[in-house]
Amino acid sequence: MAYADYRLCDVCGGKAFYDSNLNYESTTDQLRHYRQAGEKVAGDMCLDRVGDWAVLCLECAKIYSTKIVQRT
């Protein structure tokens, strides 16, 4: 599979899961833009109902975890 079809780990950048079937869309609606690991995605993209997400591959999940905190 093409490297670009994978969601990459936010720690090491390795392949985490195959995401080509996810519903990415272009939008001008600022409320629908999503973030990856807290950072705005380049361009005007949205992903279904996702507002922010973090992804860890199996190896990085052995020593890292994700955490949800309130924005300040």
N, C-alpha and C. Protein backbone atom coordinates (compact mmCIF):
# COMPACT_ATOMS: atom_id res chain seq x y z
N MET A 1 0.83 -1.18 0.00
CA MET A 1 0.00 0.00 0.00
C MET A 1 0.88 1.25 0.00
N ALA A 2 0.38 2.31 -0.58
CA ALA A 2 1.13 3.56 -0.63
C ALA A 2 1.28 4.15 0.77
N TYR A 3 2.45 4.69 1.03
CA TYR A 3 2.74 5.28 2.34
C TYR A 3 1.74 6.37 2.68
N ALA A 4 1.30 7.13 1.68
CA ALA A 4 0.37 8.24 1.91
C ALA A 4 -1.02 7.76 2.32
N ASP A 5 -1.33 6.50 2.13
CA ASP A 5 -2.64 5.97 2.51
C ASP A 5 -2.71 5.55 3.97
N TYR A 6 -1.64 5.76 4.71
CA TYR A 6 -1.59 5.37 6.11
C TYR A 6 -1.65 6.58 7.02
N ARG A 7 -2.30 6.42 8.15
CA ARG A 7 -2.21 7.41 9.23
C ARG A 7 -0.93 7.07 9.96
N LEU A 8 -0.08 8.06 10.11
CA LEU A 8 1.24 7.83 10.68
C LEU A 8 1.25 8.10 12.18
N CYS A 9 2.13 7.42 12.86
CA CYS A 9 2.30 7.58 14.30
C CYS A 9 2.76 9.00 14.60
N ASP A 10 2.18 9.63 15.61
CA ASP A 10 2.55 11.00 15.97
C ASP A 10 3.89 11.09 16.69
N VAL A 11 4.46 9.95 17.08
CA VAL A 11 5.77 9.96 17.75
C VAL A 11 6.89 9.67 16.75
N CYS A 12 6.82 8.51 16.11
CA CYS A 12 7.94 8.09 15.25
C CYS A 12 7.70 8.31 13.76
N GLY A 13 6.45 8.57 13.36
CA GLY A 13 6.15 8.78 11.95
C GLY A 13 5.97 7.50 11.16
N GLY A 14 5.99 6.35 11.84
CA GLY A 14 5.79 5.07 11.17
C GLY A 14 4.32 4.81 10.87
N LYS A 15 4.06 3.85 10.02
CA LYS A 15 2.68 3.50 9.67
C LYS A 15 1.94 2.99 10.90
N ALA A 16 0.74 3.54 11.13
CA ALA A 16 -0.07 3.10 12.26
C ALA A 16 -1.29 2.32 11.78
N PHE A 17 -2.05 2.87 10.85
CA PHE A 17 -3.16 2.10 10.27
C PHE A 17 -3.51 2.64 8.89
N TYR A 18 -4.15 1.79 8.11
CA TYR A 18 -4.54 2.12 6.74
C TYR A 18 -5.78 3.00 6.78
N ASP A 19 -5.67 4.22 6.27
CA ASP A 19 -6.79 5.16 6.42
C ASP A 19 -7.41 5.63 5.12
N SER A 20 -7.14 4.98 4.02
CA SER A 20 -7.64 5.48 2.74
C SER A 20 -9.16 5.44 2.63
N ASN A 21 -9.82 4.67 3.46
CA ASN A 21 -11.28 4.58 3.40
C ASN A 21 -11.98 5.59 4.31
N LEU A 22 -11.21 6.41 5.02
CA LEU A 22 -11.83 7.42 5.88
C LEU A 22 -12.37 8.55 5.02
N ASN A 23 -13.37 9.24 5.52
CA ASN A 23 -14.08 10.25 4.75
C ASN A 23 -13.45 11.64 4.92
N TYR A 24 -12.32 11.88 4.25
CA TYR A 24 -11.71 13.21 4.26
C TYR A 24 -12.44 14.08 3.25
N GLU A 25 -12.70 15.33 3.61
CA GLU A 25 -13.37 16.26 2.71
C GLU A 25 -12.71 17.63 2.81
N SER A 26 -12.78 18.37 1.73
CA SER A 26 -12.32 19.75 1.73
C SER A 26 -13.48 20.61 2.23
N THR A 27 -13.18 21.64 3.04
CA THR A 27 -14.24 22.49 3.57
C THR A 27 -13.75 23.91 3.79
N THR A 28 -14.67 24.83 3.82
CA THR A 28 -14.34 26.21 4.20
C THR A 28 -14.93 26.52 5.57
N ASP A 29 -15.62 25.56 6.17
CA ASP A 29 -16.24 25.71 7.48
C ASP A 29 -15.17 25.59 8.57
N GLN A 30 -14.80 26.70 9.19
CA GLN A 30 -13.74 26.71 10.21
C GLN A 30 -14.05 25.78 11.38
N LEU A 31 -15.31 25.56 11.70
CA LEU A 31 -15.67 24.70 12.82
C LEU A 31 -15.42 23.23 12.53
N ARG A 32 -15.31 22.87 11.25
CA ARG A 32 -15.13 21.46 10.91
C ARG A 32 -13.68 21.09 10.66
N HIS A 33 -12.77 22.05 10.65
CA HIS A 33 -11.35 21.71 10.48
C HIS A 33 -10.92 20.84 11.64
N TYR A 34 -10.12 19.86 11.39
CA TYR A 34 -9.66 19.00 12.48
C TYR A 34 -8.18 19.21 12.74
N ARG A 35 -7.72 18.71 13.86
CA ARG A 35 -6.33 18.81 14.25
C ARG A 35 -5.77 17.40 14.44
N GLN A 36 -4.47 17.28 14.28
CA GLN A 36 -3.78 16.02 14.54
C GLN A 36 -2.80 16.28 15.67
N ALA A 37 -3.00 15.58 16.77
CA ALA A 37 -2.15 15.74 17.95
C ALA A 37 -2.06 17.20 18.36
N GLY A 38 -3.19 17.91 18.27
CA GLY A 38 -3.26 19.29 18.72
C GLY A 38 -2.84 20.32 17.70
N GLU A 39 -2.31 19.92 16.57
CA GLU A 39 -1.84 20.86 15.55
C GLU A 39 -2.81 20.90 14.38
N LYS A 40 -3.10 22.11 13.86
CA LYS A 40 -4.01 22.24 12.73
C LYS A 40 -3.43 21.54 11.50
N VAL A 41 -4.25 20.83 10.80
CA VAL A 41 -3.86 20.14 9.58
C VAL A 41 -3.71 21.19 8.48
N ALA A 42 -2.68 21.06 7.68
CA ALA A 42 -2.47 21.99 6.57
C ALA A 42 -3.63 21.91 5.59
N GLY A 43 -4.05 23.03 5.09
CA GLY A 43 -5.14 23.05 4.13
C GLY A 43 -6.49 23.14 4.82
N ASP A 44 -7.53 22.94 4.05
CA ASP A 44 -8.90 23.06 4.55
C ASP A 44 -9.57 21.69 4.55
N MET A 45 -9.11 20.82 5.43
CA MET A 45 -9.62 19.46 5.47
C MET A 45 -10.47 19.22 6.71
N CYS A 46 -11.45 18.35 6.56
CA CYS A 46 -12.22 17.86 7.70
C CYS A 46 -12.31 16.35 7.54
N LEU A 47 -12.65 15.69 8.61
CA LEU A 47 -12.75 14.24 8.62
C LEU A 47 -13.98 13.85 9.41
N ASP A 48 -15.07 13.56 8.68
CA ASP A 48 -16.33 13.19 9.31
C ASP A 48 -16.60 14.08 10.53
N ARG A 49 -16.64 13.48 11.73
CA ARG A 49 -16.96 14.24 12.94
C ARG A 49 -15.77 14.35 13.88
N VAL A 50 -14.55 14.18 13.35
CA VAL A 50 -13.34 14.23 14.16
C VAL A 50 -12.87 15.67 14.31
N GLY A 51 -12.63 16.10 15.55
CA GLY A 51 -12.12 17.44 15.80
C GLY A 51 -10.63 17.44 16.07
N ASP A 52 -10.12 16.39 16.69
CA ASP A 52 -8.69 16.26 16.99
C ASP A 52 -8.43 14.78 17.25
N TRP A 53 -7.25 14.32 16.90
CA TRP A 53 -6.91 12.94 17.19
C TRP A 53 -5.40 12.78 17.30
N ALA A 54 -5.01 11.78 18.04
CA ALA A 54 -3.61 11.40 18.18
C ALA A 54 -3.52 9.90 17.94
N VAL A 55 -2.46 9.48 17.28
CA VAL A 55 -2.31 8.08 16.93
C VAL A 55 -0.92 7.60 17.31
N LEU A 56 -0.86 6.42 17.92
CA LEU A 56 0.41 5.79 18.26
C LEU A 56 0.48 4.43 17.58
N CYS A 57 1.64 4.11 17.02
CA CYS A 57 1.84 2.76 16.48
C CYS A 57 1.99 1.79 17.65
N LEU A 58 2.00 0.52 17.38
CA LEU A 58 2.10 -0.48 18.45
C LEU A 58 3.38 -0.34 19.26
N GLU A 59 4.49 -0.07 18.61
CA GLU A 59 5.76 0.05 19.33
C GLU A 59 5.79 1.29 20.23
N CYS A 60 5.36 2.42 19.74
CA CYS A 60 5.36 3.65 20.54
C CYS A 60 4.34 3.57 21.68
N ALA A 61 3.24 2.83 21.48
CA ALA A 61 2.23 2.69 22.53
C ALA A 61 2.77 1.93 23.74
N LYS A 62 3.89 1.26 23.58
CA LYS A 62 4.51 0.56 24.71
C LYS A 62 5.13 1.53 25.70
N ILE A 63 5.51 2.73 25.23
CA ILE A 63 6.18 3.69 26.12
C ILE A 63 5.52 5.06 26.17
N TYR A 64 4.53 5.31 25.31
CA TYR A 64 3.81 6.59 25.29
C TYR A 64 2.32 6.33 25.46
N SER A 65 1.58 7.37 25.86
CA SER A 65 0.12 7.30 25.91
C SER A 65 -0.43 8.64 25.44
N THR A 66 -1.70 8.65 25.09
CA THR A 66 -2.36 9.90 24.73
C THR A 66 -3.12 10.42 25.96
N LYS A 67 -3.41 11.70 25.95
CA LYS A 67 -4.06 12.33 27.10
C LYS A 67 -4.99 13.41 26.59
N ILE A 68 -6.20 13.46 27.13
CA ILE A 68 -7.16 14.49 26.75
C ILE A 68 -7.19 15.53 27.85
N VAL A 69 -6.95 16.79 27.48
CA VAL A 69 -6.95 17.89 28.44
C VAL A 69 -7.78 19.03 27.90
N GLN A 70 -8.30 19.86 28.77
CA GLN A 70 -9.08 21.01 28.35
C GLN A 70 -8.16 22.07 27.76
N ARG A 71 -8.61 22.67 26.65
CA ARG A 71 -7.84 23.76 26.04
C ARG A 71 -7.85 24.96 26.97
N THR A 72 -6.75 25.69 26.97
CA THR A 72 -6.68 26.89 27.81
C THR A 72 -6.63 28.13 26.97
